[in-house]
Each structure stands twice: as C-alpha cells, then as structure tokens.
C-alpha cells in the first residue's frame, strides 16, 4: 500500500475519535492540521484545545512525521517553536548519544494514533532529565503550584481557538462503550420457553411397559434341541433339568 493509502486509512480511523480533530488538504495528504483536546480530569492541561500540525515524509511509515504545536505550551519537553522532544518521533535505530534504545524510537510499526497518544501522555508525565525548556523543567520540579498556574494561562488561551458551536468532549464521553452483559436468567428463561420436539416415541423405537415386559419374557426362553424336534422351555426349567442330569448316578 502506498503512503497516501496508509495515511488515508489512518485518517478514517482517527476521525472517529472525539479527543482530536483532523483537517487536511485533499491535494496534500502529507500535511495534517489537528487539534488535541485533553480530557484527563487530573491533568494540568485539562480542557485545553491545542492546535498542532503533522508533516509526513513521502516514505511514511518508514520515517517518522514531524510534529509541532501551533502555539508553544509551557512544558519541560516542548521547545519555544512548538516542536516536542519525544522518543517516538526520533529516527529509527539505537542512539548511543541519547541512550535511547531502538524500541523507544520510531519504527514502521508505529502509527499516527500511537504518536498522538504518546504526546498527550507526555503532557502529564514530562521527562525533566532531558528538557527542551529548562525553565519549565525547573519550575515543574521545584514549584508545582507556579507551574500549574503558568500552564492554566496556555489552557485558557487555547480555548479561544475552539470553533463556534463546537462541543468539547469530556472524560466520560471519550470512554469506550461498556460491553453488553447477558443475563443468565433471561437466557435460560428463553431456553425453557422453547418447545423441543424429539419425535414420536414409536419412531425412536421405545414402547409401552407391557411391550417391554413381553420382550423380557421372550429373552427368558431358550431352545432345547432333541433329535428331530425342538421344544422351547423356560430358562429356569432348563437350568433345573441340567442340575438334575448332573447329580443322577450313571449307569454301569
């Protein structure tokens, strides 16, 4: 599949998500204009509507896209020009200088969704040991209250970018639908209500009690062969006859 086909497929899948919006020029699918919405109720960036941009290389997904916030955010890992320092957007392979393993960096198995989710996650869990914004990193480490107040300024500023009539998603509205639970009682009630027909007893080879007793009596009859005629006697009498023959003394 071509890179255009892959991007179009990813766009169709991501357009169903409520926590972001995507626009792109039909003549240039390699540039996406997005808005990320933070719905985590515990996030410093909650309620933010952050515009950003993705630029894809022509050999996507073999090379990572370029990501940039339209307006810089106060964050330890976001540069003043809006670029973000995150491993998943770094070129494939090990990097001895940064210490990043290949598994942390971009690979052709990654997709746009994994990039955006990683960025949203980084907003709430910054990496302060390798900051892109040293001042923000120091404030986050030493004065969380001041850091939160500074971030709130960016959040309120971003809300001015919300399109008129657009309804912001909430944490609850972005939760996946709960699976439908089947009530076992209802299942068995429906099963009991069904009328199963196992066929006529005669067709199944079963008979009445009288027929069963008659068959049993027939089984108790054995053949007694003597010379030219055959006489049927009950099994019990045959047994007594054999016992008698075995106990009688033989003739001299």
Protein backbone atom coordinates (compact mmCIF):
# COMPACT_ATOMS: atom_id res chain seq x y z
CA UNK A 1 0.00 0.00 0.00
CA UNK A 2 1.29 3.49 -0.85
CA UNK A 3 1.98 6.10 1.82
CA UNK A 4 -1.08 8.05 0.64
CA UNK A 5 -3.24 4.95 1.07
CA UNK A 6 -1.86 4.29 4.56
CA UNK A 7 -2.47 7.89 5.65
CA UNK A 8 -5.99 7.90 4.27
CA UNK A 9 -6.77 4.70 6.14
CA UNK A 10 -5.38 6.12 9.37
CA UNK A 11 -7.32 9.34 8.89
CA UNK A 12 -10.60 7.44 8.54
CA UNK A 13 -9.90 5.52 11.75
CA UNK A 14 -8.81 8.58 13.75
CA UNK A 15 -11.72 10.72 12.56
CA UNK A 16 -13.97 8.62 14.80
CA UNK A 17 -12.11 9.78 17.93
CA UNK A 18 -13.65 12.58 19.99
CA UNK A 19 -10.45 13.89 21.60
CA UNK A 20 -9.00 15.28 18.37
CA UNK A 21 -9.95 16.89 15.08
CA UNK A 22 -8.11 16.48 11.78
CA UNK A 23 -8.16 18.58 8.62
CA UNK A 24 -6.03 18.17 5.53
CA UNK A 25 -5.91 19.47 2.02
CA UNK A 26 -7.11 16.80 -0.41
CA UNK A 27 -4.30 17.81 -2.72
CA UNK A 28 -1.70 17.29 0.01
CA UNK A 29 -2.45 14.44 2.40
CA UNK A 30 1.07 14.74 3.81
CA UNK A 31 0.09 17.75 5.91
CA UNK A 32 -2.47 17.41 8.70
CA UNK A 33 -3.82 20.26 10.81
CA UNK A 34 -5.06 18.94 14.12
CA UNK A 35 -6.44 19.96 17.48
CA UNK A 36 -5.69 17.87 20.54
CA UNK A 37 -8.15 18.03 23.43
CA UNK A 38 -7.07 16.96 26.90
CA UNK A 39 -9.92 15.26 28.75
CA UNK A 40 -7.99 13.74 31.65
CA UNK A 41 -9.63 15.32 34.76
CA UNK A 42 -6.33 15.14 36.68
CA UNK A 43 -4.23 16.82 34.00
CA UNK A 44 -2.79 20.34 34.37
CA UNK A 45 -3.78 20.77 30.70
CA UNK A 46 -7.40 19.66 31.16
CA UNK A 47 -9.85 21.47 28.91
CA UNK A 48 -7.18 22.61 26.50
CA UNK A 49 -7.82 22.85 22.75
CA UNK A 50 -4.31 22.72 21.34
CA UNK A 51 -3.80 23.26 17.62
CA UNK A 52 -0.90 21.41 16.07
CA UNK A 53 0.48 20.15 12.79
CA UNK A 54 1.82 16.87 11.42
CA UNK A 55 4.04 16.75 8.34
CA UNK A 56 4.61 13.31 6.85
CA UNK A 57 7.55 12.25 4.70
CA UNK A 58 6.86 10.68 1.33
CA UNK A 59 8.31 7.36 2.55
CA UNK A 60 5.96 7.16 5.55
CA UNK A 61 5.78 4.94 7.62
CA UNK A 62 9.48 4.15 7.21
CA UNK A 63 10.37 7.59 8.55
CA UNK A 64 8.59 9.46 11.35
CA UNK A 65 6.38 12.51 10.84
CA UNK A 66 7.28 15.95 12.13
CA UNK A 67 5.04 17.29 14.91
CA UNK A 68 4.66 20.86 16.11
CA UNK A 69 2.23 22.77 18.32
CA UNK A 70 0.87 25.89 16.62
CA UNK A 71 1.31 27.81 19.87
CA UNK A 72 4.09 26.76 22.26
CA UNK A 73 2.99 25.26 25.57
CA UNK A 74 4.72 25.71 28.89
CA UNK A 75 6.16 22.24 29.30
CA UNK A 76 9.61 20.76 30.01
CA UNK A 77 9.68 18.82 26.73
CA UNK A 78 8.29 21.43 24.31
CA UNK A 79 10.64 23.83 22.53
CA UNK A 80 9.80 27.55 22.17
CA UNK A 81 8.93 26.98 18.49
CA UNK A 82 6.32 24.34 19.37
CA UNK A 83 8.36 21.27 18.49
CA UNK A 84 8.30 18.45 21.00
CA UNK A 85 11.12 16.28 22.27
CA UNK A 86 9.78 12.73 22.39
CA UNK A 87 11.48 9.45 21.56
CA UNK A 88 8.74 8.06 19.33
CA UNK A 89 9.39 10.82 16.78
CA UNK A 90 13.12 10.18 16.59
CA UNK A 91 14.56 8.32 13.60
CA UNK A 92 14.67 4.51 13.80
CA UNK A 93 17.63 2.71 15.36
CA UNK A 94 19.70 2.92 18.51
CA UNK A 95 21.18 6.27 19.52
CA UNK A 96 24.32 5.97 21.62
CA UNK A 97 24.47 9.70 22.33
CA UNK A 98 20.95 9.97 23.76
CA UNK A 99 20.88 6.49 25.24
CA UNK A 100 17.56 5.72 23.53
CA UNK A 101 17.01 2.11 22.51
CA UNK A 102 15.51 1.28 19.13
CA UNK A 103 12.32 0.10 20.82
CA UNK A 104 11.71 3.61 22.17
CA UNK A 105 12.14 5.34 18.83
CA UNK A 106 10.13 5.41 15.62
CA UNK A 107 9.57 2.20 13.67
CA UNK A 108 7.39 1.39 10.65
CA UNK A 109 5.03 -0.42 13.03
CA UNK A 110 4.10 2.91 14.67
CA UNK A 111 1.06 4.86 13.57
CA UNK A 112 -0.29 8.38 13.98
CA UNK A 113 -2.54 7.31 16.85
CA UNK A 114 0.40 5.96 18.85
CA UNK A 115 2.26 9.25 18.30
CA UNK A 116 -0.64 11.42 19.45
CA UNK A 117 -1.37 9.26 22.49
CA UNK A 118 2.30 9.41 23.46
CA UNK A 119 2.26 13.21 23.19
CA UNK A 120 -0.87 13.54 25.33
CA UNK A 121 0.70 11.18 27.88
CA UNK A 122 3.92 13.22 27.92
CA UNK A 123 1.98 16.37 28.80
CA UNK A 124 1.08 14.81 32.15
CA UNK A 125 4.32 12.92 32.68
CA UNK A 126 7.22 15.11 31.49
CA UNK A 127 10.80 13.92 31.22
CA UNK A 128 12.66 16.59 33.19
CA UNK A 129 16.10 14.96 32.88
CA UNK A 130 16.40 15.89 29.20
CA UNK A 131 14.34 19.08 28.90
CA UNK A 132 13.64 21.13 25.82
CA UNK A 133 12.57 24.01 28.07
CA UNK A 134 14.92 24.24 31.02
CA UNK A 135 12.94 26.94 32.84
CA UNK A 136 9.73 24.92 32.63
CA UNK A 137 11.58 21.84 33.81
CA UNK A 138 12.99 23.61 36.87
CA UNK A 139 9.58 25.11 37.74
CA UNK A 140 7.90 21.73 37.38
CA UNK A 141 10.46 20.18 39.71
CA UNK A 142 10.63 22.92 42.34
CA UNK A 143 7.27 24.72 42.29
CA UNK A 144 4.30 22.69 41.07
CA UNK A 145 1.81 25.40 42.06
CA UNK A 146 3.57 28.04 39.94
CA UNK A 147 3.91 25.57 37.09
CA UNK A 148 0.20 24.79 37.18
CA UNK A 149 -0.70 28.48 37.19
CA UNK A 150 1.52 29.08 34.17
CA UNK A 151 0.01 26.13 32.26
CA UNK A 152 -3.50 27.40 33.02
CA UNK A 153 -2.67 30.54 31.06
CA UNK A 154 -1.94 28.40 27.99
CA UNK A 155 -5.12 26.38 28.51
CA UNK A 156 -7.33 29.49 28.69
CA UNK A 157 -5.59 30.95 25.66
CA UNK A 158 -6.21 27.76 23.68
CA UNK A 159 -9.94 27.88 24.39
CA UNK A 160 -10.18 30.98 22.19
CA UNK A 161 -9.37 28.68 19.25
CA UNK A 162 -12.43 26.48 19.80
CA UNK A 163 -14.74 26.81 16.75
CA UNK A 164 -18.11 28.36 17.38
CA UNK A 165 -20.71 25.73 18.16
CA UNK A 166 -18.12 23.04 18.79
CA UNK A 167 -18.86 20.88 21.84
CA UNK A 168 -15.75 19.95 23.79
CA UNK A 169 -15.50 16.26 24.73
CA UNK A 170 -15.40 15.15 28.35
CA UNK A 171 -13.64 12.30 30.08
CA UNK A 172 -16.92 10.38 30.21
CA UNK A 173 -17.81 10.95 26.56
CA UNK A 174 -14.49 9.54 25.37
CA UNK A 175 -14.72 6.31 27.34
CA UNK A 176 -15.25 3.20 25.20
CA UNK A 177 -18.74 1.76 25.33
CA UNK A 178 -19.19 -0.90 28.01
CA UNK A 179 -19.79 -4.41 26.65
CA UNK A 180 -23.37 -5.64 26.85
CA UNK A 181 -23.87 -8.09 29.71
CA UNK A 182 -26.12 -11.06 29.05
CA UNK A 183 -28.36 -12.03 31.95
CA UNK A 184 -28.08 -15.79 32.52
CA UNK A 185 -31.61 -15.94 33.93
CA UNK A 186 -33.00 -14.43 30.74
CA UNK A 187 -31.02 -16.92 28.66
CA UNK A 188 -32.37 -19.94 30.50
CA UNK A 189 -35.88 -18.49 30.55
CA UNK A 190 -35.76 -18.22 26.78
CA UNK A 191 -34.44 -21.76 26.53
CA UNK A 192 -37.23 -23.14 28.76
CA UNK A 193 -39.80 -21.37 26.65
CA UNK A 194 -38.71 -23.23 23.55
CA UNK A 195 -40.72 -26.36 22.70
CA UNK A 196 -38.28 -29.07 21.67
CA UNK A 197 -39.75 -31.96 19.61
CA UNK A 198 -37.68 -35.10 19.85
CA UNK A 199 -40.00 -37.09 17.54
CA UNK A 200 -42.63 -39.79 18.14
CA UNK A 201 -41.78 -42.45 20.73
CA UNK A 202 -42.66 -45.19 18.25
CA UNK A 203 -40.20 -43.74 15.74
CA UNK A 204 -37.49 -43.73 18.40
CA UNK A 205 -38.01 -47.47 18.99
CA UNK A 206 -39.48 -47.12 22.51
CA UNK A 207 -42.65 -48.99 23.51
CA UNK A 208 -45.09 -49.36 26.38
CA UNK A 209 -44.29 -51.05 29.69
CA UNK A 210 -46.31 -54.09 28.61
CA UNK A 211 -44.26 -54.43 25.44
CA UNK A 212 -41.05 -54.14 27.44
CA UNK A 213 -42.17 -56.89 29.86
CA UNK A 214 -43.14 -59.12 26.93
CA UNK A 215 -39.73 -58.66 25.37
CA UNK A 216 -38.12 -59.56 28.69
CA UNK A 217 -40.18 -62.79 28.91
CA UNK A 218 -39.12 -63.72 25.40
CA UNK A 219 -35.48 -63.40 26.41
CA UNK A 220 -36.03 -65.90 29.22
CA UNK A 221 -36.94 -68.66 26.71
CA UNK A 222 -34.19 -70.96 25.40
CA UNK A 223 -34.14 -73.71 22.81
CA UNK A 224 -33.98 -77.38 23.85
CA UNK A 225 -32.84 -79.46 20.89
CA UNK A 226 -33.56 -83.18 20.95
CA UNK A 227 -33.33 -85.42 17.93
CA UNK A 228 -35.74 -84.12 15.27
CA UNK A 229 -37.94 -81.74 17.21
CA UNK A 230 -37.23 -78.56 19.05
CA UNK A 231 -39.08 -77.65 22.23
CA UNK A 232 -38.87 -74.23 23.87
CA UNK A 233 -38.84 -74.29 27.67
CA UNK A 234 -38.36 -71.51 30.16
CA UNK A 235 -34.75 -70.77 31.14
CA UNK A 236 -35.41 -71.59 34.80
CA UNK A 237 -36.77 -75.10 33.97
CA UNK A 238 -33.81 -75.73 31.65
CA UNK A 239 -31.44 -74.88 34.47
CA UNK A 240 -33.17 -77.30 36.89
CA UNK A 241 -33.07 -80.04 34.24
CA UNK A 242 -29.33 -79.62 33.75
CA UNK A 243 -28.71 -79.70 37.51
CA UNK A 244 -30.72 -82.94 37.79
CA UNK A 245 -28.81 -84.62 34.99
CA UNK A 246 -25.50 -83.75 36.58
CA UNK A 247 -26.50 -85.20 40.03
CA UNK A 248 -28.02 -88.53 38.82
CA UNK A 249 -25.67 -91.55 39.11
CA UNK A 250 -24.52 -93.00 35.82
CA UNK A 251 -25.38 -96.50 34.61
CA UNK A 252 -22.83 -99.31 34.92
